[in-house]
Amino acid sequence: MEVDRYDPQAATVEHHMALALGGHHVRSIMRAAHRRCNLSKNATHPVSSSTTP
């Protein structure tokens, strides 16, 4: 079975602190996310993208 890596539902690695904002590529801050969800965050800071006050 071949997986389309550009499928919006495809699994990607999300960094809690985006690499573009100075985050590091370490396992402790990485988690799985759908491609669509990961791309929609667009390198936002984790505090500013949070839904909790």
PDB file of N, CA and C in Angstrom:
ATOM      1  N   MET A   1       0.848  -1.190   0.000  1.00  0.00           N
ATOM      2  CA  MET A   1       0.000   0.000   0.000  1.00  0.00           C
ATOM      3  C   MET A   1       0.888   1.246   0.000  1.00  0.00           C
ATOM      4  N   GLU A   2       0.599   2.141  -0.879  1.00  0.00           N
ATOM      5  CA  GLU A   2       1.347   3.385  -0.968  1.00  0.00           C
ATOM      6  C   GLU A   2       0.562   4.509  -0.310  1.00  0.00           C
ATOM      7  N   VAL A   3       1.247   5.353   0.426  1.00  0.00           N
ATOM      8  CA  VAL A   3       0.614   6.459   1.137  1.00  0.00           C
ATOM      9  C   VAL A   3       0.962   7.759   0.431  1.00  0.00           C
ATOM     10  N   ASP A   4      -0.052   8.576   0.186  1.00  0.00           N
ATOM     11  CA  ASP A   4       0.164   9.886  -0.430  1.00  0.00           C
ATOM     12  C   ASP A   4       0.564  10.868   0.665  1.00  0.00           C
ATOM     13  N   ARG A   5       1.823  11.258   0.691  1.00  0.00           N
ATOM     14  CA  ARG A   5       2.292  12.144   1.766  1.00  0.00           C
ATOM     15  C   ARG A   5       1.700  13.547   1.689  1.00  0.00           C
ATOM     16  N   TYR A   6       1.060  13.889   0.590  1.00  0.00           N
ATOM     17  CA  TYR A   6       0.426  15.208   0.456  1.00  0.00           C
ATOM     18  C   TYR A   6      -1.058  15.172   0.792  1.00  0.00           C
ATOM     19  N   ASP A   7      -1.564  14.014   1.177  1.00  0.00           N
ATOM     20  CA  ASP A   7      -2.955  13.892   1.607  1.00  0.00           C
ATOM     21  C   ASP A   7      -3.146  14.728   2.872  1.00  0.00           C
ATOM     22  N   PRO A   8      -4.213  15.538   2.963  1.00  0.00           N
ATOM     23  CA  PRO A   8      -4.427  16.384   4.149  1.00  0.00           C
ATOM     24  C   PRO A   8      -4.521  15.580   5.446  1.00  0.00           C
ATOM     25  N   GLN A   9      -4.890  14.305   5.360  1.00  0.00           N
ATOM     26  CA  GLN A   9      -5.012  13.464   6.541  1.00  0.00           C
ATOM     27  C   GLN A   9      -3.737  12.670   6.838  1.00  0.00           C
ATOM     28  N   ALA A  10      -2.702  12.833   6.012  1.00  0.00           N
ATOM     29  CA  ALA A  10      -1.455  12.101   6.208  1.00  0.00           C
ATOM     30  C   ALA A  10      -0.809  12.507   7.532  1.00  0.00           C
ATOM     31  N   ALA A  11      -0.132  11.570   8.147  1.00  0.00           N
ATOM     32  CA  ALA A  11       0.550  11.851   9.416  1.00  0.00           C
ATOM     33  C   ALA A  11       1.826  12.641   9.173  1.00  0.00           C
ATOM     34  N   THR A  12       2.059  13.628  10.023  1.00  0.00           N
ATOM     35  CA  THR A  12       3.288  14.420   9.983  1.00  0.00           C
ATOM     36  C   THR A  12       3.817  14.550  11.402  1.00  0.00           C
ATOM     37  N   VAL A  13       5.023  15.052  11.533  1.00  0.00           N
ATOM     38  CA  VAL A  13       5.601  15.328  12.849  1.00  0.00           C
ATOM     39  C   VAL A  13       5.426  16.818  13.121  1.00  0.00           C
ATOM     40  N   GLU A  14       4.799  17.110  14.250  1.00  0.00           N
ATOM     41  CA  GLU A  14       4.600  18.494  14.668  1.00  0.00           C
ATOM     42  C   GLU A  14       5.533  18.764  15.842  1.00  0.00           C
ATOM     43  N   HIS A  15       6.163  19.912  15.839  1.00  0.00           N
ATOM     44  CA  HIS A  15       7.022  20.325  16.949  1.00  0.00           C
ATOM     45  C   HIS A  15       6.223  21.288  17.824  1.00  0.00           C
ATOM     46  N   HIS A  16       6.212  21.050  19.126  1.00  0.00           N
ATOM     47  CA  HIS A  16       5.464  21.926  20.038  1.00  0.00           C
ATOM     48  C   HIS A  16       5.911  23.375  19.854  1.00  0.00           C
ATOM     49  N   MET A  17       7.205  23.593  19.759  1.00  0.00           N
ATOM     50  CA  MET A  17       7.747  24.912  19.418  1.00  0.00           C
ATOM     51  C   MET A  17       8.293  24.778  18.006  1.00  0.00           C
ATOM     52  N   ALA A  18       7.706  25.508  17.079  1.00  0.00           N
ATOM     53  CA  ALA A  18       8.086  25.398  15.668  1.00  0.00           C
ATOM     54  C   ALA A  18       9.586  25.613  15.469  1.00  0.00           C
ATOM     55  N   LEU A  19      10.158  24.836  14.571  1.00  0.00           N
ATOM     56  CA  LEU A  19      11.585  24.987  14.260  1.00  0.00           C
ATOM     57  C   LEU A  19      11.876  26.406  13.783  1.00  0.00           C
ATOM     58  N   ALA A  20      10.952  26.988  13.030  1.00  0.00           N
ATOM     59  CA  ALA A  20      11.132  28.344  12.506  1.00  0.00           C
ATOM     60  C   ALA A  20      11.180  29.394  13.616  1.00  0.00           C
ATOM     61  N   LEU A  21      10.671  29.036  14.796  1.00  0.00           N
ATOM     62  CA  LEU A  21      10.669  29.969  15.926  1.00  0.00           C
ATOM     63  C   LEU A  21      11.727  29.629  16.963  1.00  0.00           C
ATOM     64  N   GLY A  22      12.666  28.779  16.580  1.00  0.00           N
ATOM     65  CA  GLY A  22      13.755  28.447  17.480  1.00  0.00           C
ATOM     66  C   GLY A  22      13.603  27.125  18.205  1.00  0.00           C
ATOM     67  N   GLY A  23      12.560  26.355  17.881  1.00  0.00           N
ATOM     68  CA  GLY A  23      12.380  25.044  18.493  1.00  0.00           C
ATOM     69  C   GLY A  23      13.461  24.080  18.028  1.00  0.00           C
ATOM     70  N   HIS A  24      13.586  22.988  18.734  1.00  0.00           N
ATOM     71  CA  HIS A  24      14.608  22.002  18.417  1.00  0.00           C
ATOM     72  C   HIS A  24      13.966  20.707  17.947  1.00  0.00           C
ATOM     73  N   HIS A  25      14.707  19.941  17.191  1.00  0.00           N
ATOM     74  CA  HIS A  25      14.227  18.671  16.651  1.00  0.00           C
ATOM     75  C   HIS A  25      14.570  17.559  17.647  1.00  0.00           C
ATOM     76  N   VAL A  26      13.840  17.544  18.774  1.00  0.00           N
ATOM     77  CA  VAL A  26      14.040  16.527  19.803  1.00  0.00           C
ATOM     78  C   VAL A  26      12.712  15.827  20.078  1.00  0.00           C
ATOM     79  N   ARG A  27      12.809  14.553  20.371  1.00  0.00           N
ATOM     80  CA  ARG A  27      11.621  13.718  20.523  1.00  0.00           C
ATOM     81  C   ARG A  27      10.650  14.238  21.587  1.00  0.00           C
ATOM     82  N   SER A  28      11.144  14.816  22.663  1.00  0.00           N
ATOM     83  CA  SER A  28      10.282  15.236  23.770  1.00  0.00           C
ATOM     84  C   SER A  28       9.299  16.346  23.401  1.00  0.00           C
ATOM     85  N   ILE A  29       9.556  17.090  22.328  1.00  0.00           N
ATOM     86  CA  ILE A  29       8.621  18.155  21.931  1.00  0.00           C
ATOM     87  C   ILE A  29       7.942  17.869  20.602  1.00  0.00           C
ATOM     88  N   MET A  30       8.051  16.626  20.124  1.00  0.00           N
ATOM     89  CA  MET A  30       7.430  16.250  18.856  1.00  0.00           C
ATOM     90  C   MET A  30       6.189  15.402  19.118  1.00  0.00           C
ATOM     91  N   ARG A  31       5.195  15.556  18.241  1.00  0.00           N
ATOM     92  CA  ARG A  31       3.984  14.741  18.328  1.00  0.00           C
ATOM     93  C   ARG A  31       3.414  14.565  16.936  1.00  0.00           C
ATOM     94  N   ALA A  32       2.492  13.640  16.793  1.00  0.00           N
ATOM     95  CA  ALA A  32       1.867  13.381  15.496  1.00  0.00           C
ATOM     96  C   ALA A  32       0.749  14.390  15.255  1.00  0.00           C
ATOM     97  N   ALA A  33       0.580  14.764  13.997  1.00  0.00           N
ATOM     98  CA  ALA A  33      -0.507  15.666  13.606  1.00  0.00           C
ATOM     99  C   ALA A  33      -0.860  15.398  12.152  1.00  0.00           C
ATOM    100  N   HIS A  34      -2.123  15.617  11.803  1.00  0.00           N
ATOM    101  CA  HIS A  34      -2.501  15.534  10.393  1.00  0.00           C
ATOM    102  C   HIS A  34      -1.774  16.640   9.634  1.00  0.00           C
ATOM    103  N   ARG A  35      -1.458  16.371   8.394  1.00  0.00           N
ATOM    104  CA  ARG A  35      -0.766  17.355   7.559  1.00  0.00           C
ATOM    105  C   ARG A  35      -1.520  18.685   7.548  1.00  0.00           C
ATOM    106  N   ARG A  36      -2.838  18.621   7.356  1.00  0.00           N
ATOM    107  CA  ARG A  36      -3.655  19.842   7.298  1.00  0.00           C
ATOM    108  C   ARG A  36      -3.550  20.630   8.603  1.00  0.00           C
ATOM    109  N   CYS A  37      -3.627  19.957   9.737  1.00  0.00           N
ATOM    110  CA  CYS A  37      -3.544  20.638  11.042  1.00  0.00           C
ATOM    111  C   CYS A  37      -2.167  21.257  11.255  1.00  0.00           C
ATOM    112  N   ASN A  38      -1.134  20.509  10.903  1.00  0.00           N
ATOM    113  CA  ASN A  38       0.228  20.990  11.092  1.00  0.00           C
ATOM    114  C   ASN A  38       0.496  22.218  10.221  1.00  0.00           C
ATOM    115  N   LEU A  39       0.079  22.175   8.979  1.00  0.00           N
ATOM    116  CA  LEU A  39       0.312  23.319   8.082  1.00  0.00           C
ATOM    117  C   LEU A  39      -0.521  24.541   8.465  1.00  0.00           C
ATOM    118  N   SER A  40      -1.694  24.319   9.056  1.00  0.00           N
ATOM    119  CA  SER A  40      -2.560  25.456   9.403  1.00  0.00           C
ATOM    120  C   SER A  40      -1.980  26.294  10.540  1.00  0.00           C
ATOM    121  N   LYS A  41      -1.098  25.707  11.339  1.00  0.00           N
ATOM    122  CA  LYS A  41      -0.484  26.455  12.443  1.00  0.00           C
ATOM    123  C   LYS A  41       0.528  27.467  11.942  1.00  0.00           C
ATOM    124  N   ASN A  42       1.126  27.217  10.788  1.00  0.00           N
ATOM    125  CA  ASN A  42       1.997  28.174  10.120  1.00  0.00           C
ATOM    126  C   ASN A  42       3.052  28.783  11.040  1.00  0.00           C
ATOM    127  N   ALA A  43       3.762  27.939  11.783  1.00  0.00           N
ATOM    128  CA  ALA A  43       4.870  28.366  12.653  1.00  0.00           C
ATOM    129  C   ALA A  43       4.435  29.400  13.689  1.00  0.00           C
ATOM    130  N   THR A  44       3.265  29.192  14.296  1.00  0.00           N
ATOM    131  CA  THR A  44       2.827  30.093  15.358  1.00  0.00           C
ATOM    132  C   THR A  44       3.429  29.643  16.684  1.00  0.00           C
ATOM    133  N   HIS A  45       3.583  30.563  17.596  1.00  0.00           N
ATOM    134  CA  HIS A  45       4.109  30.267  18.925  1.00  0.00           C
ATOM    135  C   HIS A  45       3.066  29.434  19.671  1.00  0.00           C
ATOM    136  N   PRO A  46       3.479  28.415  20.429  1.00  0.00           N
ATOM    137  CA  PRO A  46       2.512  27.555  21.106  1.00  0.00           C
ATOM    138  C   PRO A  46       1.582  28.295  22.055  1.00  0.00           C
ATOM    139  N   VAL A  47       2.021  29.356  22.678  1.00  0.00           N
ATOM    140  CA  VAL A  47       1.168  30.127  23.587  1.00  0.00           C
ATOM    141  C   VAL A  47       0.121  30.905  22.809  1.00  0.00           C
ATOM    142  N   SER A  48       0.489  31.491  21.668  1.00  0.00           N
ATOM    143  CA  SER A  48      -0.461  32.286  20.896  1.00  0.00           C
ATOM    144  C   SER A  48      -1.456  31.417  20.149  1.00  0.00           C
ATOM    145  N   SER A  49      -1.149  30.144  19.908  1.00  0.00           N
ATOM    146  CA  SER A  49      -2.079  29.273  19.194  1.00  0.00           C
ATOM    147  C   SER A  49      -2.940  28.465  20.158  1.00  0.00           C
ATOM    148  N   SER A  50      -2.739  28.622  21.452  1.00  0.00           N
ATOM    149  CA  SER A  50      -3.492  27.873  22.458  1.00  0.00           C
ATOM    150  C   SER A  50      -4.913  28.417  22.561  1.00  0.00           C
ATOM    151  N   THR A  51      -5.844  27.531  22.868  1.00  0.00           N
ATOM    152  CA  THR A  51      -7.245  27.960  23.018  1.00  0.00           C
ATOM    153  C   THR A  51      -7.595  28.242  24.469  1.00  0.00           C
ATOM    154  N   THR A  52      -6.652  27.973  25.383  1.00  0.00           N
ATOM    155  CA  THR A  52      -6.918  28.257  26.786  1.00  0.00           C
ATOM    156  C   THR A  52      -6.346  29.614  27.157  1.00  0.00           C
ATOM    157  N   PRO A  53      -7.001  30.340  28.067  1.00  0.00           N
ATOM    158  CA  PRO A  53      -6.493  31.670  28.455  1.00  0.00           C
ATOM    159  C   PRO A  53      -5.199  31.605  29.223  1.00  0.00           C
TER     160      PRO A  53
END
